[in-house]
Amino acid sequence: MDSDNESSSENGLPKDDDSVGDKDLTPHLPEKSRSNKRIKRETANTMTDDHEYITEHCLVPTESLRTFADVVGAHKAITFAEQYEPVAVGAQRALSGLLLFGSSGTGKTMVAEAICESIGGTFYKFTAAHMPSGKAGAMRIDALFDVAQAGSLPAVIFLDECDTLLSKRSNSTSRVGHFAIRFERFTDNLLVIGATNDPEGIAPKILTGRFERKIFIDNPNASARKKMIQRQLAEEDVEHKMSSEELNNIVAGTEGRSAVNLERLISSAAKHAAGTPVTEENFRDAMEEEPTDFDKKTALKCAKYDRVHGWKPQ
């Protein structure tokens, strides 16, 4: 999913890097001491309808979170989770802002959940649909941070489509300002993860002032697509009778498809097989039914943004 290769292919996109995905896709993330993380705090504010709303609509049960075992690639996100420290240690400040950016369907929500699960966090998913208009929005924002910081820690607040939620357009200025007040830098036990396919649409106060790390979640490369096909068929206990060359032909023919689109394509190919081993022809039929969701403009824009602003772990 991550794109580390800046060389260009014939269509102007980064070339497939077959080394990505060759690593162990389910690495063992070392267990960290969480004695000072998983604590309860008394809420300073009186419980309101907004607090109850956040608990009921935004808190995601820990047992339902996806893990890095569900993700193909995303090595930068895995590295981030391994290095994450929820509280300040000496001169090292806690990191409180992470932006995941990339085209639609690349798995940004899944990666955010996997990061939360790996650090032992509590996950709150917040979207523009959860935000009331006018002054009521400020109270909803306060409730989101109040509930998250009063619950089991570390808390992870996931802002989906945050270019809409925290747009740089003038009509969201007060909302952005209030978010910036509550979304402070270097806050212990709080990680805010934003997801967007348009990072430059986010208000600068949040984009550059709060999201201290930015990770590109790209469409799966050739190696990742091959592993996704093999793994999904194996998980569903579906056999295939494709030669290595035929499988590689399918992999090449799916370039540019998002992870979500590819998952749907594999499912369609299995449906065409109707209980028999999946063939290359089944995939060809599925490709006619499931058009690619490749968005060249967005992909190029995100790749360019990554070259300048993307996190490059040492």
Protein backbone atom coordinates (compact mmCIF):
# COMPACT_ATOMS: atom_id res chain seq x y z
CA MET A 1 0.00 0.00 0.00
CA ASP A 2 2.84 2.43 0.79
CA SER A 3 4.73 3.95 -2.11
CA ASP A 4 8.47 4.31 -1.52
CA ASN A 5 9.60 4.33 -5.14
CA GLU A 6 9.67 7.73 -6.85
CA SER A 7 10.64 6.54 -10.32
CA SER A 8 7.93 6.87 -12.96
CA SER A 9 6.29 4.31 -15.19
CA GLU A 10 4.97 4.98 -18.67
CA ASN A 11 1.66 6.30 -17.34
CA GLY A 12 3.41 8.84 -15.11
CA LEU A 13 2.84 6.93 -11.88
CA PRO A 14 5.54 5.51 -9.62
CA LYS A 15 6.72 2.14 -10.90
CA ASP A 16 5.74 -0.98 -9.01
CA ASP A 17 8.29 -1.84 -6.38
CA ASP A 18 8.20 -5.60 -6.07
CA SER A 19 10.33 -5.44 -2.94
CA VAL A 20 7.38 -3.91 -1.11
CA GLY A 21 5.33 -6.67 0.41
CA ASP A 22 8.17 -9.19 0.33
CA LYS A 23 8.73 -8.67 4.04
CA ASP A 24 6.77 -10.62 6.60
CA LEU A 25 3.31 -9.13 6.28
CA THR A 26 2.36 -9.93 9.87
CA PRO A 27 5.42 -8.88 11.85
CA HIS A 28 5.51 -9.34 15.56
CA LEU A 29 5.11 -5.93 17.12
CA PRO A 30 6.89 -5.91 20.46
CA GLU A 31 4.64 -5.62 23.47
CA LYS A 32 5.24 -2.33 25.22
CA SER A 33 4.69 -1.63 28.84
CA ARG A 34 1.33 0.05 29.16
CA SER A 35 1.16 0.44 32.91
CA ASN A 36 0.98 4.22 32.57
CA LYS A 37 -1.30 4.22 29.50
CA ARG A 38 -4.40 2.18 30.26
CA ILE A 39 -5.87 4.41 32.97
CA LYS A 40 -9.21 5.98 33.74
CA ARG A 41 -9.71 9.64 34.45
CA GLU A 42 -12.69 11.46 35.84
CA THR A 43 -14.38 13.61 33.24
CA ALA A 44 -14.03 17.26 34.13
CA ASN A 45 -17.25 18.09 32.30
CA THR A 46 -20.75 17.06 33.23
CA MET A 47 -22.05 14.34 30.95
CA THR A 48 -24.24 15.81 28.22
CA ASP A 49 -26.21 14.45 25.29
CA ASP A 50 -23.13 15.10 23.15
CA HIS A 51 -20.96 12.96 25.42
CA GLU A 52 -23.49 10.15 25.20
CA TYR A 53 -23.66 10.59 21.42
CA ILE A 54 -19.89 10.13 21.09
CA THR A 55 -19.93 7.02 23.24
CA GLU A 56 -22.83 5.53 21.33
CA HIS A 57 -21.91 6.47 17.75
CA CYS A 58 -18.14 6.97 17.59
CA LEU A 59 -16.58 4.47 20.01
CA VAL A 60 -15.52 1.36 18.06
CA PRO A 61 -15.35 -1.91 20.06
CA THR A 62 -11.75 -3.04 20.42
CA GLU A 63 -12.57 -6.59 19.33
CA SER A 64 -13.83 -5.34 15.94
CA LEU A 65 -10.66 -3.47 15.00
CA ARG A 66 -8.69 -4.77 12.02
CA THR A 67 -5.02 -5.58 12.61
CA PHE A 68 -1.82 -5.50 10.57
CA ALA A 69 -2.48 -9.17 9.83
CA ASP A 70 -5.37 -7.89 7.67
CA VAL A 71 -3.15 -5.43 5.81
CA VAL A 72 -0.88 -6.11 2.85
CA GLY A 73 2.12 -3.81 2.82
CA ALA A 74 1.77 -0.51 4.78
CA HIS A 75 5.32 -0.86 6.10
CA LYS A 76 5.60 2.82 7.05
CA ALA A 77 2.46 2.54 9.16
CA ILE A 78 3.88 -0.57 10.85
CA THR A 79 7.10 1.33 11.57
CA PHE A 80 5.08 4.22 12.99
CA ALA A 81 3.22 1.86 15.34
CA GLU A 82 6.48 0.23 16.45
CA GLN A 83 8.06 3.60 17.25
CA TYR A 84 5.00 5.23 18.81
CA GLU A 85 5.33 6.34 22.42
CA PRO A 86 2.07 7.56 23.98
CA VAL A 87 3.66 9.65 26.73
CA ALA A 88 6.62 11.99 26.88
CA VAL A 89 9.89 10.31 27.83
CA GLY A 90 12.56 12.75 28.91
CA ALA A 91 13.09 15.25 26.10
CA GLN A 92 11.07 13.11 23.69
CA ARG A 93 7.56 14.50 23.23
CA ALA A 94 4.52 12.35 22.54
CA LEU A 95 3.43 12.42 18.91
CA SER A 96 -0.24 13.41 18.67
CA GLY A 97 -1.00 13.84 14.96
CA LEU A 98 -0.80 11.45 11.98
CA LEU A 99 -2.26 11.98 8.50
CA LEU A 100 -2.94 9.03 6.18
CA PHE A 101 -3.44 10.22 2.60
CA GLY A 102 -4.09 8.49 -0.69
CA SER A 103 -6.76 7.72 -3.26
CA SER A 104 -10.15 6.38 -2.20
CA GLY A 105 -10.28 2.67 -1.42
CA THR A 106 -6.63 2.23 -0.50
CA GLY A 107 -7.41 1.08 3.04
CA LYS A 108 -6.71 4.16 5.15
CA THR A 109 -9.40 3.27 7.69
CA MET A 110 -8.07 -0.28 7.99
CA VAL A 111 -4.53 1.03 8.53
CA ALA A 112 -5.76 3.47 11.21
CA GLU A 113 -7.53 0.63 13.03
CA ALA A 114 -4.42 -1.55 12.77
CA ILE A 115 -2.26 1.19 14.28
CA CYS A 116 -4.75 1.60 17.13
CA GLU A 117 -4.90 -2.14 17.79
CA SER A 118 -1.11 -2.51 17.76
CA ILE A 119 -0.57 0.28 20.32
CA GLY A 120 -3.39 -0.96 22.56
CA GLY A 121 -5.52 2.11 21.96
CA THR A 122 -9.23 2.92 22.17
CA PHE A 123 -10.66 3.89 18.78
CA TYR A 124 -13.12 6.71 18.12
CA LYS A 125 -14.23 7.23 14.51
CA PHE A 126 -15.51 10.72 13.75
CA THR A 127 -16.77 12.02 10.39
CA ALA A 128 -18.49 15.11 9.02
CA ALA A 129 -21.78 13.25 9.46
CA HIS A 130 -21.24 13.36 13.23
CA MET A 131 -20.77 17.13 13.21
CA PRO A 132 -23.83 19.35 13.78
CA SER A 133 -23.86 22.82 12.25
CA GLY A 134 -23.35 26.12 13.98
CA LYS A 135 -22.40 26.51 17.63
CA ALA A 136 -23.54 22.98 18.39
CA GLY A 137 -20.46 21.79 16.51
CA ALA A 138 -18.12 23.18 19.16
CA MET A 139 -19.92 21.23 21.88
CA ARG A 140 -19.69 18.04 19.81
CA ILE A 141 -15.94 18.59 19.34
CA ASP A 142 -15.51 19.16 23.08
CA ALA A 143 -17.46 15.99 23.82
CA LEU A 144 -15.30 13.96 21.40
CA PHE A 145 -12.07 14.94 23.14
CA ASP A 146 -13.60 14.79 26.64
CA VAL A 147 -14.84 11.22 26.17
CA ALA A 148 -11.65 10.05 24.47
CA GLN A 149 -9.35 11.46 27.14
CA ALA A 150 -11.51 10.25 30.01
CA GLY A 151 -11.68 6.67 28.73
CA SER A 152 -9.14 3.88 28.39
CA LEU A 153 -5.85 5.29 27.16
CA PRO A 154 -4.12 5.78 24.82
CA ALA A 155 -7.03 7.24 22.86
CA VAL A 156 -7.07 7.28 19.07
CA ILE A 157 -9.42 9.73 17.38
CA PHE A 158 -9.85 8.88 13.69
CA LEU A 159 -11.07 11.76 11.51
CA ASP A 160 -12.35 10.24 8.27
CA GLU A 161 -12.37 12.45 5.16
CA CYS A 162 -10.86 15.22 7.21
CA ASP A 163 -10.49 17.47 4.15
CA THR A 164 -14.27 17.85 4.42
CA LEU A 165 -14.40 17.97 8.19
CA LEU A 166 -11.50 20.44 8.51
CA SER A 167 -11.62 22.20 5.17
CA LYS A 168 -9.57 25.31 4.49
CA ARG A 169 -12.71 26.92 3.09
CA SER A 170 -13.88 29.97 4.99
CA ASN A 171 -17.17 28.47 6.15
CA SER A 172 -15.35 26.02 8.42
CA THR A 173 -12.95 28.53 10.02
CA SER A 174 -14.56 28.46 13.47
CA ARG A 175 -14.72 24.67 13.42
CA VAL A 176 -11.04 24.43 12.47
CA GLY A 177 -10.12 26.87 15.22
CA HIS A 178 -11.98 24.89 17.84
CA PHE A 179 -10.47 21.62 16.67
CA ALA A 180 -7.01 23.20 16.87
CA ILE A 181 -7.65 24.24 20.47
CA ARG A 182 -8.63 20.71 21.54
CA PHE A 183 -6.21 18.94 19.19
CA GLU A 184 -3.08 20.20 20.91
CA ARG A 185 0.47 19.30 19.96
CA PHE A 186 2.39 16.75 22.02
CA THR A 187 -0.57 15.57 24.10
CA ASP A 188 0.15 12.44 26.15
CA ASN A 189 -2.04 9.39 25.44
CA LEU A 190 -3.86 11.00 22.50
CA LEU A 191 -3.27 10.23 18.84
CA VAL A 192 -5.41 11.94 16.22
CA ILE A 193 -5.30 10.14 12.85
CA GLY A 194 -6.73 11.91 9.83
CA ALA A 195 -7.59 10.27 6.49
CA THR A 196 -7.95 12.11 3.20
CA ASN A 197 -7.51 11.84 -0.55
CA ASP A 198 -6.86 15.58 -0.74
CA PRO A 199 -4.32 16.66 1.89
CA GLU A 200 -4.03 20.16 0.46
CA GLY A 201 -7.76 20.65 1.06
CA ILE A 202 -7.19 20.59 4.83
CA ALA A 203 -6.85 23.89 6.66
CA PRO A 204 -3.14 24.76 7.08
CA LYS A 205 -3.55 25.22 10.84
CA ILE A 206 -4.36 21.49 11.06
CA LEU A 207 -2.40 20.15 8.08
CA THR A 208 0.96 21.67 9.01
CA GLY A 209 0.29 22.68 12.59
CA ARG A 210 -1.12 19.45 14.01
CA PHE A 211 -0.43 16.50 11.69
CA GLU A 212 3.23 16.00 12.53
CA ARG A 213 3.54 12.79 10.48
CA LYS A 214 2.10 12.18 7.02
CA ILE A 215 2.03 8.70 5.43
CA PHE A 216 1.07 7.94 1.84
CA ILE A 217 -1.28 4.93 1.55
CA ASP A 218 -0.99 4.07 -2.12
CA ASN A 219 -2.83 1.67 -4.40
CA PRO A 220 -1.31 -1.82 -4.01
CA ASN A 221 1.73 -2.49 -6.18
CA ALA A 222 2.31 -5.69 -8.17
CA SER A 223 3.68 -7.68 -5.26
CA ALA A 224 0.84 -6.61 -2.99
CA ARG A 225 -1.81 -7.34 -5.62
CA LYS A 226 -0.45 -10.84 -6.13
CA LYS A 227 -0.48 -11.52 -2.39
CA MET A 228 -4.01 -10.15 -2.09
CA ILE A 229 -5.29 -12.50 -4.81
CA GLN A 230 -3.57 -15.53 -3.29
CA ARG A 231 -4.60 -14.70 0.25
CA GLN A 232 -8.26 -13.92 -0.44
CA LEU A 233 -8.74 -17.13 -2.40
CA ALA A 234 -6.98 -19.11 0.35
CA GLU A 235 -9.05 -17.48 3.11
CA GLU A 236 -12.26 -18.44 1.34
CA ASP A 237 -10.87 -21.94 0.69
CA VAL A 238 -11.22 -21.39 -3.07
CA GLU A 239 -8.76 -23.16 -5.35
CA HIS A 240 -7.43 -21.79 -8.60
CA LYS A 241 -5.84 -23.43 -11.61
CA MET A 242 -3.80 -20.54 -12.94
CA SER A 243 -0.20 -21.02 -13.95
CA SER A 244 2.41 -18.61 -12.63
CA GLU A 245 2.32 -16.80 -15.97
CA GLU A 246 -1.47 -16.53 -15.93
CA LEU A 247 -1.47 -15.19 -12.38
CA ASN A 248 1.14 -12.62 -13.34
CA ASN A 249 -1.03 -11.60 -16.30
CA ILE A 250 -3.92 -10.90 -13.91
CA VAL A 251 -1.61 -8.98 -11.58
CA ALA A 252 -0.41 -6.81 -14.49
CA GLY A 253 -3.99 -6.26 -15.66
CA THR A 254 -5.08 -4.93 -12.29
CA GLU A 255 -2.52 -2.11 -12.05
CA GLY A 256 -3.96 1.03 -10.51
CA ARG A 257 -6.94 -0.64 -8.83
CA SER A 258 -7.45 0.17 -5.17
CA ALA A 259 -7.35 -2.50 -2.50
CA VAL A 260 -11.13 -2.31 -2.07
CA ASN A 261 -11.72 -2.57 -5.82
CA LEU A 262 -9.34 -5.54 -6.11
CA GLU A 263 -11.06 -7.33 -3.24
CA ARG A 264 -14.39 -6.95 -5.04
CA LEU A 265 -12.80 -8.16 -8.29
CA ILE A 266 -11.45 -11.33 -6.65
CA SER A 267 -14.87 -12.01 -5.17
CA SER A 268 -16.47 -11.59 -8.58
CA ALA A 269 -13.96 -13.99 -10.19
CA ALA A 270 -14.75 -16.61 -7.54
CA LYS A 271 -18.46 -16.13 -8.26
CA HIS A 272 -17.86 -16.75 -11.95
CA ALA A 273 -15.99 -19.95 -11.08
CA ALA A 274 -19.17 -21.21 -9.36
CA GLY A 275 -17.43 -23.60 -7.00
CA THR A 276 -14.81 -24.80 -9.47
CA PRO A 277 -11.12 -23.72 -9.41
CA VAL A 278 -10.76 -20.07 -10.44
CA THR A 279 -9.21 -19.50 -13.87
CA GLU A 280 -7.69 -16.57 -15.72
CA GLU A 281 -10.85 -16.43 -17.81
CA ASN A 282 -12.92 -16.01 -14.64
CA PHE A 283 -10.81 -12.98 -13.75
CA ARG A 284 -11.17 -11.57 -17.28
CA ASP A 285 -14.95 -11.87 -17.00
CA ALA A 286 -14.82 -10.20 -13.60
CA MET A 287 -12.77 -7.30 -14.99
CA GLU A 288 -15.53 -6.56 -17.48
CA GLU A 289 -18.09 -6.43 -14.67
CA GLU A 290 -15.92 -4.55 -12.16
CA PRO A 291 -14.39 -1.48 -13.82
CA THR A 292 -11.21 -0.09 -12.35
CA ASP A 293 -11.56 2.75 -9.86
CA PHE A 294 -8.16 4.17 -10.80
CA ASP A 295 -8.14 7.96 -10.40
CA LYS A 296 -4.96 9.10 -12.14
CA LYS A 297 -5.32 12.76 -11.17
CA THR A 298 -5.65 12.00 -7.45
CA ALA A 299 -2.94 9.33 -7.55
CA LEU A 300 -0.43 11.69 -9.17
CA LYS A 301 -1.34 14.53 -6.81
CA CYS A 302 -0.88 12.35 -3.72
CA ALA A 303 2.39 10.90 -5.04
CA LYS A 304 3.70 14.43 -5.58
CA TYR A 305 2.61 15.47 -2.09
CA ASP A 306 4.34 12.42 -0.66
CA ARG A 307 7.66 13.30 -2.28
CA VAL A 308 7.64 16.67 -0.54
CA HIS A 309 5.81 16.08 2.73
CA GLY A 310 5.59 12.32 3.29
CA TRP A 311 7.24 10.75 6.33
CA LYS A 312 10.46 8.95 5.50
CA PRO A 313 11.44 6.85 8.54
CA GLN A 314 15.12 6.14 9.06
